Amino acid sequence: MRGRARTARPASGTSEDIVGALAPWHIIVLVLVIVLLFGSKKLGDVGKGLDQSVREFRSGVTGAPDPPPAPPPAPGAQTDAERARHELDPDDAVAVHQETPAPTPEIARAEEADERRG
């Protein structure tokens, strides 16, 4: 015992001990218990209330109100991405972004055999 060096251990009860003791399944069990106790609807309401509180706090700290949410698009209106998708020919899109790969030897032999037959 005399020749062995002592290693320093963290004091018991530190945050490192607590975090190291929590395995992923501990967290999963904890979340399931919370959902069972409060129910998913109640948790959704709590989340909405928390979101509203954070927004009010942020606007109080900065002094500027949050911008209003963007209005939803009118029914039947296309976004720019949808318009571009309809205007672009799918064959051109593939040709622009990638070249046709060279066939593998097996595919080349099969194509040659098909050409000889037909």
Protein backbone atom coordinates (compact mmCIF):
# COMPACT_ATOMS: atom_id res chain seq x y z
CA MET A 1 0.00 0.00 0.00
CA ARG A 2 2.86 2.29 0.66
CA GLY A 3 4.11 2.52 -2.95
CA ARG A 4 0.72 3.10 -4.57
CA ALA A 5 -0.24 6.60 -5.60
CA ARG A 6 -3.66 7.82 -4.61
CA THR A 7 -5.99 9.11 -7.28
CA ALA A 8 -8.15 12.09 -6.59
CA ARG A 9 -11.86 11.38 -6.58
CA PRO A 10 -14.55 14.01 -6.84
CA ALA A 11 -16.56 14.61 -3.70
CA SER A 12 -19.72 12.56 -3.57
CA GLY A 13 -22.91 14.34 -4.54
CA THR A 14 -21.34 16.53 -7.23
CA SER A 15 -23.11 17.22 -10.49
CA GLU A 16 -20.68 14.90 -12.29
CA ASP A 17 -21.84 12.00 -10.13
CA ILE A 18 -25.49 12.77 -10.77
CA VAL A 19 -25.13 13.17 -14.54
CA GLY A 20 -22.98 10.06 -14.75
CA ALA A 21 -25.64 8.10 -12.87
CA LEU A 22 -28.40 9.02 -15.34
CA ALA A 23 -28.52 6.50 -18.15
CA PRO A 24 -30.68 7.12 -21.24
CA TRP A 25 -33.26 4.64 -20.02
CA HIS A 26 -33.62 6.64 -16.79
CA ILE A 27 -34.62 9.67 -18.81
CA ILE A 28 -37.07 7.62 -20.93
CA VAL A 29 -38.74 6.21 -17.83
CA LEU A 30 -38.95 9.69 -16.29
CA VAL A 31 -40.60 11.11 -19.42
CA LEU A 32 -43.09 8.23 -19.55
CA VAL A 33 -44.04 8.75 -15.91
CA ILE A 34 -44.57 12.47 -16.49
CA VAL A 35 -46.75 11.79 -19.56
CA LEU A 36 -48.78 9.22 -17.62
CA LEU A 37 -49.28 11.59 -14.69
CA PHE A 38 -50.23 14.70 -16.62
CA GLY A 39 -51.42 13.42 -19.99
CA SER A 40 -50.31 14.59 -23.40
CA LYS A 41 -53.03 17.29 -23.69
CA LYS A 42 -52.04 18.89 -20.39
CA LEU A 43 -48.34 18.81 -21.37
CA GLY A 44 -49.22 20.50 -24.68
CA ASP A 45 -51.02 23.25 -22.81
CA VAL A 46 -48.02 23.67 -20.51
CA GLY A 47 -45.73 23.93 -23.54
CA LYS A 48 -47.92 26.61 -25.12
CA GLY A 49 -48.02 28.57 -21.87
CA LEU A 50 -44.24 28.32 -21.53
CA ASP A 51 -43.78 29.52 -25.12
CA GLN A 52 -46.04 32.51 -24.49
CA SER A 53 -44.18 33.34 -21.27
CA VAL A 54 -40.80 33.25 -23.04
CA ARG A 55 -42.12 35.52 -25.79
CA GLU A 56 -43.45 38.02 -23.25
CA PHE A 57 -40.18 37.94 -21.31
CA ARG A 58 -38.16 38.48 -24.47
CA SER A 59 -40.32 41.40 -25.58
CA GLY A 60 -40.04 42.90 -22.08
CA VAL A 61 -36.24 42.63 -22.09
CA THR A 62 -35.71 44.00 -25.59
CA GLY A 63 -38.54 46.51 -25.44
CA ALA A 64 -39.67 45.56 -28.95
CA PRO A 65 -42.66 43.31 -29.55
CA ASP A 66 -42.21 40.09 -31.50
CA PRO A 67 -43.10 40.38 -35.16
CA PRO A 68 -46.54 38.97 -35.95
CA PRO A 69 -46.55 35.53 -37.57
CA ALA A 70 -46.66 35.45 -41.36
CA PRO A 71 -50.17 35.02 -42.74
CA PRO A 72 -50.88 31.60 -44.23
CA PRO A 73 -50.85 31.44 -48.03
CA ALA A 74 -54.17 31.76 -49.79
CA PRO A 75 -55.78 28.44 -50.75
CA GLY A 76 -54.59 27.37 -54.19
CA ALA A 77 -51.66 29.80 -54.20
CA GLN A 78 -48.32 28.30 -55.19
CA THR A 79 -45.08 29.04 -53.44
CA ASP A 80 -41.95 29.88 -55.40
CA ALA A 81 -40.58 26.38 -54.85
CA GLU A 82 -43.76 24.76 -56.18
CA ARG A 83 -43.76 27.00 -59.25
CA ALA A 84 -40.12 26.18 -59.96
CA ARG A 85 -40.79 22.48 -59.52
CA HIS A 86 -43.61 22.56 -62.09
CA GLU A 87 -41.66 24.65 -64.60
CA LEU A 88 -38.57 22.42 -64.52
CA ASP A 89 -38.51 19.33 -66.70
CA PRO A 90 -37.50 16.36 -64.51
CA ASP A 91 -35.21 14.96 -67.23
CA ASP A 92 -33.32 18.27 -67.42
CA ALA A 93 -32.95 18.40 -63.65
CA VAL A 94 -31.22 15.03 -63.57
CA ALA A 95 -29.07 15.85 -66.58
CA VAL A 96 -27.89 19.11 -65.05
CA HIS A 97 -26.91 17.67 -61.69
CA GLN A 98 -25.50 14.27 -62.52
CA GLU A 99 -24.06 12.38 -65.41
CA THR A 100 -25.32 8.98 -66.45
CA PRO A 101 -23.09 6.45 -64.72
CA ALA A 102 -21.14 3.96 -66.78
CA PRO A 103 -22.76 0.53 -66.69
CA THR A 104 -21.16 -2.17 -64.62
CA PRO A 105 -19.61 -5.06 -66.57
CA GLU A 106 -22.57 -7.28 -65.72
CA ILE A 107 -25.06 -4.72 -67.02
CA ALA A 108 -22.98 -4.12 -70.17
CA ARG A 109 -22.92 -7.88 -70.94
CA ALA A 110 -26.68 -8.14 -70.34
CA GLU A 111 -27.36 -5.18 -72.65
CA GLU A 112 -25.15 -6.68 -75.38
CA ALA A 113 -26.98 -10.00 -75.06
CA ASP A 114 -30.33 -8.22 -75.34
CA GLU A 115 -29.16 -6.37 -78.48
CA ARG A 116 -28.06 -9.65 -80.11
CA ARG A 117 -31.41 -11.28 -79.37
CA GLY A 118 -33.56 -8.39 -80.52
